[in-house]
Amino acid sequence: MLTRREDGGLPLREHAAAEDVRPQPPAPPRRGFALHEMVEAFHNEGWWAGVVCGVPTEEVALPAGDGEHRPRRV
């Protein structure tokens, strides 16, 4: 949840036009992504379009941090 201050506090509220509001994303896929597949990822408080440019052959672990990363297919 986004808050007004980094240490917590009141939830952040903003006004937005209805056409700018997106539905909740689907659950993460059970399979990996394919090379050249079109995807979107939630990063830095927004959704960003992209294309898969590499698929690692080994398992990759990312440290949990303050940011939220939720890739999804488009």
N, C-alpha and C. Protein backbone atom coordinates (compact mmCIF):
# COMPACT_ATOMS: atom_id res chain seq x y z
N MET A 1 0.84 -1.16 0.00
CA MET A 1 0.00 0.00 0.00
C MET A 1 0.89 1.24 0.00
N LEU A 2 0.53 2.21 -0.80
CA LEU A 2 1.27 3.46 -0.84
C LEU A 2 0.81 4.35 0.31
N THR A 3 1.77 5.01 0.95
CA THR A 3 1.43 5.90 2.05
C THR A 3 2.04 7.27 1.79
N ARG A 4 1.59 8.24 2.57
CA ARG A 4 2.07 9.61 2.39
C ARG A 4 3.53 9.77 2.83
N ARG A 5 3.94 8.96 3.78
CA ARG A 5 5.31 9.02 4.27
C ARG A 5 5.96 7.65 4.13
N GLU A 6 7.27 7.64 4.07
CA GLU A 6 8.00 6.38 3.93
C GLU A 6 7.84 5.48 5.15
N ASP A 7 7.62 6.06 6.33
CA ASP A 7 7.51 5.27 7.55
C ASP A 7 6.07 4.83 7.83
N GLY A 8 5.21 4.93 6.84
CA GLY A 8 3.82 4.54 7.03
C GLY A 8 2.94 5.77 7.11
N GLY A 9 1.88 5.68 7.85
CA GLY A 9 0.99 6.82 7.98
C GLY A 9 -0.28 6.61 7.19
N LEU A 10 -0.90 7.69 6.84
CA LEU A 10 -2.17 7.62 6.12
C LEU A 10 -1.98 7.09 4.71
N PRO A 11 -2.96 6.31 4.21
CA PRO A 11 -2.87 5.83 2.83
C PRO A 11 -2.88 7.00 1.84
N LEU A 12 -2.12 6.87 0.78
CA LEU A 12 -2.07 7.89 -0.26
C LEU A 12 -3.35 7.81 -1.09
N ARG A 13 -3.96 8.96 -1.36
CA ARG A 13 -5.17 9.01 -2.18
C ARG A 13 -4.94 10.00 -3.30
N GLU A 14 -5.39 9.63 -4.49
CA GLU A 14 -5.31 10.51 -5.65
C GLU A 14 -6.59 10.39 -6.44
N HIS A 15 -6.96 11.45 -7.12
CA HIS A 15 -8.12 11.42 -8.01
C HIS A 15 -7.63 11.04 -9.40
N ALA A 16 -8.41 10.18 -10.08
CA ALA A 16 -8.04 9.74 -11.42
C ALA A 16 -9.30 9.59 -12.25
N ALA A 17 -9.17 9.85 -13.54
CA ALA A 17 -10.29 9.65 -14.46
C ALA A 17 -10.56 8.16 -14.59
N ALA A 18 -11.84 7.79 -14.77
CA ALA A 18 -12.23 6.38 -14.83
C ALA A 18 -11.48 5.64 -15.94
N GLU A 19 -11.23 6.31 -17.06
CA GLU A 19 -10.55 5.62 -18.17
C GLU A 19 -9.07 5.35 -17.89
N ASP A 20 -8.51 5.96 -16.84
CA ASP A 20 -7.12 5.72 -16.47
C ASP A 20 -6.95 4.64 -15.42
N VAL A 21 -8.05 4.14 -14.87
CA VAL A 21 -8.00 3.11 -13.82
C VAL A 21 -7.98 1.74 -14.47
N ARG A 22 -7.03 0.91 -14.05
CA ARG A 22 -6.90 -0.44 -14.61
C ARG A 22 -7.45 -1.47 -13.63
N PRO A 23 -7.95 -2.57 -14.15
CA PRO A 23 -8.41 -3.63 -13.25
C PRO A 23 -7.22 -4.30 -12.56
N GLN A 24 -7.50 -5.04 -11.51
CA GLN A 24 -6.44 -5.77 -10.82
C GLN A 24 -5.81 -6.76 -11.80
N PRO A 25 -4.49 -6.87 -11.79
CA PRO A 25 -3.83 -7.77 -12.74
C PRO A 25 -4.13 -9.23 -12.43
N PRO A 26 -4.01 -10.09 -13.46
CA PRO A 26 -4.21 -11.52 -13.21
C PRO A 26 -3.08 -12.08 -12.35
N ALA A 27 -3.30 -13.26 -11.83
CA ALA A 27 -2.26 -13.93 -11.03
C ALA A 27 -1.03 -14.17 -11.92
N PRO A 28 0.15 -14.19 -11.33
CA PRO A 28 1.36 -14.45 -12.12
C PRO A 28 1.24 -15.79 -12.86
N PRO A 29 1.83 -15.87 -14.04
CA PRO A 29 1.74 -17.11 -14.82
C PRO A 29 2.48 -18.26 -14.15
N ARG A 30 2.01 -19.46 -14.40
CA ARG A 30 2.64 -20.66 -13.84
C ARG A 30 3.85 -21.08 -14.68
N ARG A 31 3.89 -20.66 -15.91
CA ARG A 31 5.04 -21.00 -16.76
C ARG A 31 5.89 -19.76 -17.00
N GLY A 32 7.07 -19.95 -17.50
CA GLY A 32 7.96 -18.84 -17.77
C GLY A 32 7.52 -18.05 -18.99
N PHE A 33 8.24 -17.00 -19.27
CA PHE A 33 7.95 -16.17 -20.43
C PHE A 33 8.77 -16.65 -21.63
N ALA A 34 8.23 -16.42 -22.83
CA ALA A 34 8.91 -16.83 -24.05
C ALA A 34 9.68 -15.65 -24.64
N LEU A 35 10.75 -15.95 -25.35
CA LEU A 35 11.56 -14.94 -26.01
C LEU A 35 10.69 -14.15 -26.98
N HIS A 36 10.82 -12.84 -27.00
CA HIS A 36 10.08 -11.90 -27.86
C HIS A 36 8.61 -11.77 -27.51
N GLU A 37 8.19 -12.29 -26.36
CA GLU A 37 6.80 -12.16 -25.93
C GLU A 37 6.57 -10.74 -25.41
N MET A 38 5.41 -10.15 -25.76
CA MET A 38 5.05 -8.83 -25.27
C MET A 38 4.54 -8.97 -23.84
N VAL A 39 5.05 -8.13 -22.93
CA VAL A 39 4.67 -8.20 -21.52
C VAL A 39 4.49 -6.78 -20.98
N GLU A 40 3.88 -6.70 -19.79
CA GLU A 40 3.84 -5.47 -19.02
C GLU A 40 4.33 -5.82 -17.62
N ALA A 41 4.99 -4.87 -16.97
CA ALA A 41 5.48 -5.09 -15.61
C ALA A 41 5.13 -3.88 -14.76
N PHE A 42 4.69 -4.12 -13.53
CA PHE A 42 4.40 -3.05 -12.59
C PHE A 42 5.69 -2.69 -11.89
N HIS A 43 6.14 -1.44 -12.04
CA HIS A 43 7.41 -1.00 -11.46
C HIS A 43 7.34 0.52 -11.27
N ASN A 44 7.88 1.01 -10.17
CA ASN A 44 7.87 2.45 -9.87
C ASN A 44 6.47 3.05 -9.98
N GLU A 45 5.51 2.39 -9.36
CA GLU A 45 4.14 2.88 -9.26
C GLU A 45 3.42 2.99 -10.60
N GLY A 46 3.82 2.20 -11.59
CA GLY A 46 3.15 2.24 -12.89
C GLY A 46 3.40 0.98 -13.70
N TRP A 47 2.60 0.79 -14.74
CA TRP A 47 2.76 -0.36 -15.64
C TRP A 47 3.59 0.07 -16.84
N TRP A 48 4.54 -0.78 -17.22
CA TRP A 48 5.44 -0.48 -18.33
C TRP A 48 5.40 -1.62 -19.33
N ALA A 49 5.23 -1.28 -20.61
CA ALA A 49 5.21 -2.28 -21.67
C ALA A 49 6.63 -2.66 -22.04
N GLY A 50 6.80 -3.90 -22.48
CA GLY A 50 8.13 -4.35 -22.88
C GLY A 50 8.06 -5.64 -23.66
N VAL A 51 9.22 -6.11 -24.07
CA VAL A 51 9.35 -7.35 -24.82
C VAL A 51 10.43 -8.18 -24.14
N VAL A 52 10.19 -9.47 -23.98
CA VAL A 52 11.18 -10.35 -23.36
C VAL A 52 12.36 -10.46 -24.31
N CYS A 53 13.54 -10.05 -23.84
CA CYS A 53 14.73 -10.07 -24.70
C CYS A 53 15.71 -11.17 -24.30
N GLY A 54 15.41 -11.90 -23.25
CA GLY A 54 16.25 -13.00 -22.84
C GLY A 54 15.54 -13.86 -21.83
N VAL A 55 15.76 -15.16 -21.93
CA VAL A 55 15.15 -16.10 -20.99
C VAL A 55 16.29 -16.89 -20.35
N PRO A 56 16.53 -16.68 -19.04
CA PRO A 56 17.62 -17.40 -18.39
C PRO A 56 17.35 -18.90 -18.36
N THR A 57 18.40 -19.66 -18.47
CA THR A 57 18.26 -21.12 -18.44
C THR A 57 18.28 -21.66 -17.02
N GLU A 58 18.67 -20.84 -16.07
CA GLU A 58 18.72 -21.26 -14.68
C GLU A 58 17.70 -20.48 -13.87
N GLU A 59 17.36 -20.99 -12.70
CA GLU A 59 16.44 -20.28 -11.81
C GLU A 59 17.09 -18.97 -11.36
N VAL A 60 16.31 -17.93 -11.27
CA VAL A 60 16.80 -16.63 -10.83
C VAL A 60 15.98 -16.19 -9.63
N ALA A 61 16.65 -15.70 -8.60
CA ALA A 61 15.95 -15.20 -7.42
C ALA A 61 16.27 -13.72 -7.27
N LEU A 62 15.25 -12.93 -7.03
CA LEU A 62 15.43 -11.51 -6.81
C LEU A 62 15.14 -11.19 -5.35
N PRO A 63 15.94 -10.34 -4.75
CA PRO A 63 15.69 -10.00 -3.34
C PRO A 63 14.40 -9.21 -3.22
N ALA A 64 13.66 -9.46 -2.16
CA ALA A 64 12.45 -8.69 -1.90
C ALA A 64 12.88 -7.30 -1.45
N GLY A 65 12.19 -6.31 -1.96
CA GLY A 65 12.54 -4.94 -1.60
C GLY A 65 11.29 -4.11 -1.39
N ASP A 66 11.49 -2.82 -1.36
CA ASP A 66 10.37 -1.91 -1.17
C ASP A 66 9.49 -1.84 -2.42
N GLY A 67 10.07 -2.09 -3.59
CA GLY A 67 9.32 -2.01 -4.83
C GLY A 67 8.49 -3.26 -5.06
N GLU A 68 7.59 -3.16 -5.99
CA GLU A 68 6.72 -4.29 -6.30
C GLU A 68 6.88 -4.58 -7.80
N HIS A 69 7.15 -5.83 -8.13
CA HIS A 69 7.34 -6.23 -9.52
C HIS A 69 6.37 -7.35 -9.82
N ARG A 70 5.42 -7.10 -10.72
CA ARG A 70 4.42 -8.10 -11.06
C ARG A 70 4.32 -8.20 -12.57
N PRO A 71 5.12 -9.04 -13.22
CA PRO A 71 5.03 -9.15 -14.68
C PRO A 71 3.73 -9.83 -15.10
N ARG A 72 3.23 -9.49 -16.28
CA ARG A 72 2.04 -10.14 -16.82
C ARG A 72 2.06 -10.06 -18.34
N ARG A 73 1.37 -10.99 -18.97
CA ARG A 73 1.27 -11.03 -20.42
C ARG A 73 0.26 -10.01 -20.91
N VAL A 74 0.47 -9.50 -22.13
CA VAL A 74 -0.50 -8.59 -22.73
C VAL A 74 -1.04 -9.17 -24.01
